[in-house]
C-alpha atoms as a PDB file:
ATOM      1  CA  MET A   1      72.588 124.111 114.592  1.00  0.00           C
ATOM      2  CA  ALA A   2      71.763 123.708 110.941  1.00  0.00           C
ATOM      3  CA  GLU A   3      75.458 124.169 110.211  1.00  0.00           C
ATOM      4  CA  SER A   4      76.449 120.760 111.528  1.00  0.00           C
ATOM      5  CA  LYS A   5      77.421 119.712 108.008  1.00  0.00           C
ATOM      6  CA  SER A   6      81.085 120.094 107.218  1.00  0.00           C
ATOM      7  CA  LYS A   7      81.932 123.196 105.236  1.00  0.00           C
ATOM      8  CA  ASN A   8      84.947 121.357 103.827  1.00  0.00           C
ATOM      9  CA  PRO A   9      83.632 118.286 102.028  1.00  0.00           C
ATOM     10  CA  VAL A  10      86.015 115.391 101.504  1.00  0.00           C
ATOM     11  CA  ARG A  11      88.160 116.308  98.563  1.00  0.00           C
ATOM     12  CA  GLY A  12      88.520 113.619  95.942  1.00  0.00           C
ATOM     13  CA  MET A  13      91.392 112.706  93.714  1.00  0.00           C
ATOM     14  CA  THR A  14      92.461 115.489  91.359  1.00  0.00           C
ATOM     15  CA  PRO A  15      93.152 114.889  87.678  1.00  0.00           C
ATOM     16  CA  GLN A  16      96.858 115.416  88.386  1.00  0.00           C
ATOM     17  CA  GLN A  17      96.809 112.855  91.209  1.00  0.00           C
ATOM     18  CA  PHE A  18      94.996 110.374  88.978  1.00  0.00           C
ATOM     19  CA  ARG A  19      97.578 110.796  86.210  1.00  0.00           C
ATOM     20  CA  LEU A  20     100.395 110.442  88.744  1.00  0.00           C
ATOM     21  CA  TRP A  21      98.798 107.242  90.096  1.00  0.00           C
ATOM     22  CA  ARG A  22      98.636 105.759  86.606  1.00  0.00           C
ATOM     23  CA  ARG A  23     102.174 106.751  85.704  1.00  0.00           C
ATOM     24  CA  THR A  24     103.572 105.560  89.030  1.00  0.00           C
ATOM     25  CA  LEU A  25     102.181 102.104  88.277  1.00  0.00           C
ATOM     26  CA  GLY A  26     103.674 102.316  84.780  1.00  0.00           C
ATOM     27  CA  LEU A  27     100.278 101.976  83.116  1.00  0.00           C
ATOM     28  CA  LYS A  28      99.262 103.359  79.756  1.00  0.00           C
ATOM     29  CA  GLN A  29      95.767 104.851  79.640  1.00  0.00           C
ATOM     30  CA  LYS A  30      94.402 101.686  77.985  1.00  0.00           C
ATOM     31  CA  ASP A  31      96.035  99.491  80.657  1.00  0.00           C
ATOM     32  CA  ALA A  32      94.578 101.620  83.464  1.00  0.00           C
ATOM     33  CA  ALA A  33      91.156 101.422  81.818  1.00  0.00           C
ATOM     34  CA  ASP A  34      91.379  97.634  81.588  1.00  0.00           C
ATOM     35  CA  ARG A  35      92.489  97.279  85.213  1.00  0.00           C
ATOM     36  CA  LEU A  36      89.709  99.589  86.452  1.00  0.00           C
ATOM     37  CA  GLY A  37      87.019  98.110  84.202  1.00  0.00           C
ATOM     38  CA  LEU A  38      86.554 101.361  82.289  1.00  0.00           C
ATOM     39  CA  LYS A  39      86.833 102.607  78.740  1.00  0.00           C
ATOM     40  CA  LYS A  40      90.024 104.455  77.806  1.00  0.00           C
ATOM     41  CA  ARG A  41      87.932 107.577  77.174  1.00  0.00           C
ATOM     42  CA  MET A  42      86.942 107.729  80.878  1.00  0.00           C
ATOM     43  CA  ILE A  43      90.618 107.656  81.851  1.00  0.00           C
ATOM     44  CA  GLN A  44      91.146 110.606  79.521  1.00  0.00           C
ATOM     45  CA  TYR A  45      88.232 112.487  81.099  1.00  0.00           C
ATOM     46  CA  TYR A  46      89.545 111.817  84.609  1.00  0.00           C
ATOM     47  CA  GLU A  47      93.005 113.038  83.657  1.00  0.00           C
ATOM     48  CA  LYS A  48      91.677 116.110  81.892  1.00  0.00           C
ATOM     49  CA  GLY A  49      89.223 116.884  84.690  1.00  0.00           C
ATOM     50  CA  ASN A  50      86.351 117.695  82.384  1.00  0.00           C
ATOM     51  CA  ARG A  51      84.136 116.311  79.656  1.00  0.00           C
ATOM     52  CA  ASP A  52      82.836 118.681  77.021  1.00  0.00           C
ATOM     53  CA  GLY A  53      83.613 121.643  79.279  1.00  0.00           C
ATOM     54  CA  ARG A  54      81.852 120.193  82.330  1.00  0.00           C
ATOM     55  CA  PRO A  55      83.807 119.081  85.397  1.00  0.00           C
ATOM     56  CA  VAL A  56      84.293 115.341  85.866  1.00  0.00           C
ATOM     57  CA  GLU A  57      84.683 114.007  89.389  1.00  0.00           C
ATOM     58  CA  ILE A  58      86.523 110.745  89.934  1.00  0.00           C
ATOM     59  CA  PRO A  59      84.015 108.535  91.782  1.00  0.00           C
ATOM     60  CA  LYS A  60      84.867 107.116  95.176  1.00  0.00           C
ATOM     61  CA  SER A  61      84.646 103.567  93.789  1.00  0.00           C
ATOM     62  CA  ILE A  62      87.346 104.384  91.236  1.00  0.00           C
ATOM     63  CA  ARG A  63      89.510 106.095  93.872  1.00  0.00           C
ATOM     64  CA  LEU A  64      89.240 103.007  96.082  1.00  0.00           C
ATOM     65  CA  ALA A  65      90.041 100.743  93.124  1.00  0.00           C
ATOM     66  CA  CYS A  66      93.129 102.867  92.404  1.00  0.00           C
ATOM     67  CA  TYR A  67      94.242 102.386  95.993  1.00  0.00           C
ATOM     68  CA  ALA A  68      93.648  98.635  95.833  1.00  0.00           C
ATOM     69  CA  LEU A  69      95.648  98.325  92.622  1.00  0.00           C
ATOM     70  CA  SER A  70      98.439 100.384  94.192  1.00  0.00           C
ATOM     71  CA  GLU A  71      98.502  97.855  97.041  1.00  0.00           C
ATOM     72  CA  GLY A  72      98.723  94.915  94.620  1.00  0.00           C
ATOM     73  CA  ILE A  73      95.086  93.860  94.924  1.00  0.00           C
ATOM     74  CA  ASP A  74      93.755  92.949  91.490  1.00  0.00           C
ATOM     75  CA  ASP A  75      90.399  91.520  92.495  1.00  0.00           C
ATOM     76  CA  PHE A  76      88.240  90.844  95.535  1.00  0.00           C
ATOM     77  CA  ASP A  77      85.936  87.851  95.988  1.00  0.00           C
ATOM     78  CA  GLY A  78      83.745  89.528  98.603  1.00  0.00           C
ATOM     79  CA  GLN A  79      85.225  87.661 101.549  1.00  0.00           C
ATOM     80  CA  SER A  80      87.410  89.075 104.283  1.00  0.00           C
ATOM     81  CA  ALA A  81      91.048  88.161 103.935  1.00  0.00           C
ATOM     82  CA  VAL A  82      91.362  87.571 107.687  1.00  0.00           C
ATOM     83  CA  PRO A  83      88.271  87.062 109.857  1.00  0.00           C
ATOM     84  CA  LEU A  84      88.140  89.068 113.042  1.00  0.00           C
ATOM     85  CA  THR A  85      88.524  86.299 115.613  1.00  0.00           C
ATOM     86  CA  THR A  86      90.659  85.537 118.608  1.00  0.00           C
ATOM     87  CA  GLU A  87      93.006  83.239 116.665  1.00  0.00           C
ATOM     88  CA  ALA A  88      96.039  84.875 118.272  1.00  0.00           C
ATOM     89  CA  SER A  89      94.825  83.924 121.754  1.00  0.00           C
ATOM     90  CA  GLU A  90      94.216  80.338 120.668  1.00  0.00           C
ATOM     91  CA  THR A  91      97.924  79.860 119.904  1.00  0.00           C
ATOM     92  CA  ASP A  92      99.048  81.045 123.356  1.00  0.00           C
END
C-alpha cells in the first residue's frame, strides 16, 4: 500500500489564471505586487510561469492571498471574524 499518496497532486494556480485574477481586479502589475507584498518582478515571473528558464510555482500563500483580495479582504489581524459559539441559540 505504498501507493496511498495521490497520483494527482493539487494543481496550483497557472500563470494564465494569475494574470486573469489580476486583470479581473483591474490591477496593474505594480498594484498587484503592492497588495500582495511582493516586488513587481515576482508578479512578472508568476505571469510568465518561469524565471530564467526554470518553472516558477505560485506559492499557496500567494494563491490564498489572491482569493482573500478577490473577496475584499485587504488584511487580517489574526483573529476570527466570528467566533464559533452558540450565539444563535442565545437569541431564541
